[in-house]
Amino acid sequence: MQVIVRTNDPVLISFVEALFREAGIATHIADTHMSITEGWIGVFPRRVLVLEEDWQRAAQILEEADLGQWIVREGSKKPPAHSDENP
């Protein structure tokens, strides 16, 4: 599985899960048990993971939902959609 979103916002995680569920994309939320060690203060972000073969479609769904800024592109096979840096 590959990370598509990393956040400590439970509402965003729930929304992303709902979007992916509707599209038939399986997800796994990693690091949910870190809340035990952090005392529920929300320091450690959770990771939304999708199957590698679903990553591109999941990224497109997030872009269409205007959530593209949350996409974790490091290690993905797709370069960033928007780049403000000049080579």
C-alpha atoms as a PDB file:
ATOM      1  CA  MET A   1       0.000   0.000   0.000  1.00  0.00           C
ATOM      2  CA  GLN A   2       1.076   3.559  -0.602  1.00  0.00           C
ATOM      3  CA  VAL A   3       0.422   6.769   1.340  1.00  0.00           C
ATOM      4  CA  ILE A   4      -1.989   9.178  -0.342  1.00  0.00           C
ATOM      5  CA  VAL A   5      -2.825  11.522   2.590  1.00  0.00           C
ATOM      6  CA  ARG A   6      -1.078  12.304   5.871  1.00  0.00           C
ATOM      7  CA  THR A   7      -2.975  14.394   8.431  1.00  0.00           C
ATOM      8  CA  ASN A   8      -4.075  14.544  12.037  1.00  0.00           C
ATOM      9  CA  ASP A   9      -7.506  15.951  11.068  1.00  0.00           C
ATOM     10  CA  PRO A  10     -10.066  13.196  11.772  1.00  0.00           C
ATOM     11  CA  VAL A  11     -12.749  14.969   9.732  1.00  0.00           C
ATOM     12  CA  LEU A  12     -10.520  15.052   6.645  1.00  0.00           C
ATOM     13  CA  ILE A  13      -9.639  11.387   7.116  1.00  0.00           C
ATOM     14  CA  SER A  14     -13.317  10.479   7.364  1.00  0.00           C
ATOM     15  CA  PHE A  15     -14.156  12.500   4.241  1.00  0.00           C
ATOM     16  CA  VAL A  16     -11.302  10.946   2.250  1.00  0.00           C
ATOM     17  CA  GLU A  17     -12.401   7.473   3.353  1.00  0.00           C
ATOM     18  CA  ALA A  18     -15.962   8.230   2.214  1.00  0.00           C
ATOM     19  CA  LEU A  19     -14.770   9.496  -1.181  1.00  0.00           C
ATOM     20  CA  PHE A  20     -12.642   6.420  -1.720  1.00  0.00           C
ATOM     21  CA  ARG A  21     -15.344   4.034  -0.469  1.00  0.00           C
ATOM     22  CA  GLU A  22     -17.786   5.539  -2.968  1.00  0.00           C
ATOM     23  CA  ALA A  23     -15.208   5.029  -5.737  1.00  0.00           C
ATOM     24  CA  GLY A  24     -14.546   1.433  -4.670  1.00  0.00           C
ATOM     25  CA  ILE A  25     -10.985   2.144  -3.524  1.00  0.00           C
ATOM     26  CA  ALA A  26      -9.843   0.163  -0.483  1.00  0.00           C
ATOM     27  CA  THR A  27      -8.107   2.189   2.223  1.00  0.00           C
ATOM     28  CA  HIS A  28      -6.140   1.524   5.357  1.00  0.00           C
ATOM     29  CA  ILE A  29      -5.613   4.145   8.062  1.00  0.00           C
ATOM     30  CA  ALA A  30      -2.169   3.727   9.593  1.00  0.00           C
ATOM     31  CA  ASP A  31      -0.952   5.124  12.914  1.00  0.00           C
ATOM     32  CA  THR A  32      -4.391   5.220  14.518  1.00  0.00           C
ATOM     33  CA  HIS A  33      -3.055   3.578  17.663  1.00  0.00           C
ATOM     34  CA  MET A  34      -0.492   6.349  18.172  1.00  0.00           C
ATOM     35  CA  SER A  35      -3.245   8.207  20.020  1.00  0.00           C
ATOM     36  CA  ILE A  36      -2.639   5.858  22.946  1.00  0.00           C
ATOM     37  CA  THR A  37       0.941   7.060  23.299  1.00  0.00           C
ATOM     38  CA  GLU A  38       0.245  10.709  22.569  1.00  0.00           C
ATOM     39  CA  GLY A  39      -2.737  11.034  24.902  1.00  0.00           C
ATOM     40  CA  TRP A  40      -5.193  12.156  22.167  1.00  0.00           C
ATOM     41  CA  ILE A  41      -3.461  15.515  21.626  1.00  0.00           C
ATOM     42  CA  GLY A  42      -3.252  15.026  17.847  1.00  0.00           C
ATOM     43  CA  VAL A  43       0.501  15.397  17.409  1.00  0.00           C
ATOM     44  CA  PHE A  44       1.147  12.368  15.216  1.00  0.00           C
ATOM     45  CA  PRO A  45      -0.508  12.449  11.802  1.00  0.00           C
ATOM     46  CA  ARG A  46      -2.438   9.455  10.540  1.00  0.00           C
ATOM     47  CA  ARG A  47      -1.717   8.054   7.099  1.00  0.00           C
ATOM     48  CA  VAL A  48      -4.376   7.089   4.571  1.00  0.00           C
ATOM     49  CA  LEU A  49      -3.023   4.300   2.402  1.00  0.00           C
ATOM     50  CA  VAL A  50      -4.368   2.895  -0.856  1.00  0.00           C
ATOM     51  CA  LEU A  51      -3.206   0.049  -3.059  1.00  0.00           C
ATOM     52  CA  GLU A  52      -0.408   1.086  -5.372  1.00  0.00           C
ATOM     53  CA  GLU A  53      -2.532   0.362  -8.442  1.00  0.00           C
ATOM     54  CA  ASP A  54      -5.285   2.672  -7.077  1.00  0.00           C
ATOM     55  CA  TRP A  55      -2.971   5.574  -6.206  1.00  0.00           C
ATOM     56  CA  GLN A  56      -3.378   7.525  -9.472  1.00  0.00           C
ATOM     57  CA  ARG A  57      -7.176   7.255  -9.406  1.00  0.00           C
ATOM     58  CA  ALA A  58      -7.262   8.167  -5.700  1.00  0.00           C
ATOM     59  CA  ALA A  59      -5.105  11.235  -6.390  1.00  0.00           C
ATOM     60  CA  GLN A  60      -7.456  12.252  -9.208  1.00  0.00           C
ATOM     61  CA  ILE A  61     -10.461  11.921  -6.886  1.00  0.00           C
ATOM     62  CA  LEU A  62      -8.774  14.151  -4.318  1.00  0.00           C
ATOM     63  CA  GLU A  63      -7.888  16.729  -6.988  1.00  0.00           C
ATOM     64  CA  GLU A  64     -11.502  16.767  -8.203  1.00  0.00           C
ATOM     65  CA  ALA A  65     -12.689  17.260  -4.607  1.00  0.00           C
ATOM     66  CA  ASP A  66     -10.310  20.253  -4.297  1.00  0.00           C
ATOM     67  CA  LEU A  67      -8.147  18.342  -1.806  1.00  0.00           C
ATOM     68  CA  GLY A  68      -5.040  18.135  -3.980  1.00  0.00           C
ATOM     69  CA  GLN A  69      -2.946  19.991  -1.415  1.00  0.00           C
ATOM     70  CA  TRP A  70      -3.268  16.970   0.907  1.00  0.00           C
ATOM     71  CA  ILE A  71      -1.826  14.448  -1.566  1.00  0.00           C
ATOM     72  CA  VAL A  72       1.461  12.949  -0.423  1.00  0.00           C
ATOM     73  CA  ARG A  73       3.476  12.779  -3.621  1.00  0.00           C
ATOM     74  CA  GLU A  74       6.856  11.750  -2.216  1.00  0.00           C
ATOM     75  CA  GLY A  75       7.689   8.282  -3.414  1.00  0.00           C
ATOM     76  CA  SER A  76       4.746   8.268  -5.815  1.00  0.00           C
ATOM     77  CA  LYS A  77       5.141   7.463  -9.474  1.00  0.00           C
ATOM     78  CA  LYS A  78       3.525  10.763 -10.440  1.00  0.00           C
ATOM     79  CA  PRO A  79       5.361  14.106 -10.244  1.00  0.00           C
ATOM     80  CA  PRO A  80       3.688  16.968  -8.349  1.00  0.00           C
ATOM     81  CA  ALA A  81       0.777  18.508 -10.247  1.00  0.00           C
ATOM     82  CA  HIS A  82       1.819  22.057  -9.396  1.00  0.00           C
ATOM     83  CA  SER A  83       5.389  23.207  -9.056  1.00  0.00           C
ATOM     84  CA  ASP A  84       6.279  26.746  -8.056  1.00  0.00           C
ATOM     85  CA  GLU A  85      10.007  26.128  -8.233  1.00  0.00           C
ATOM     86  CA  ASN A  86      12.061  26.916 -11.310  1.00  0.00           C
ATOM     87  CA  PRO A  87      14.655  24.300 -12.321  1.00  0.00           C
END
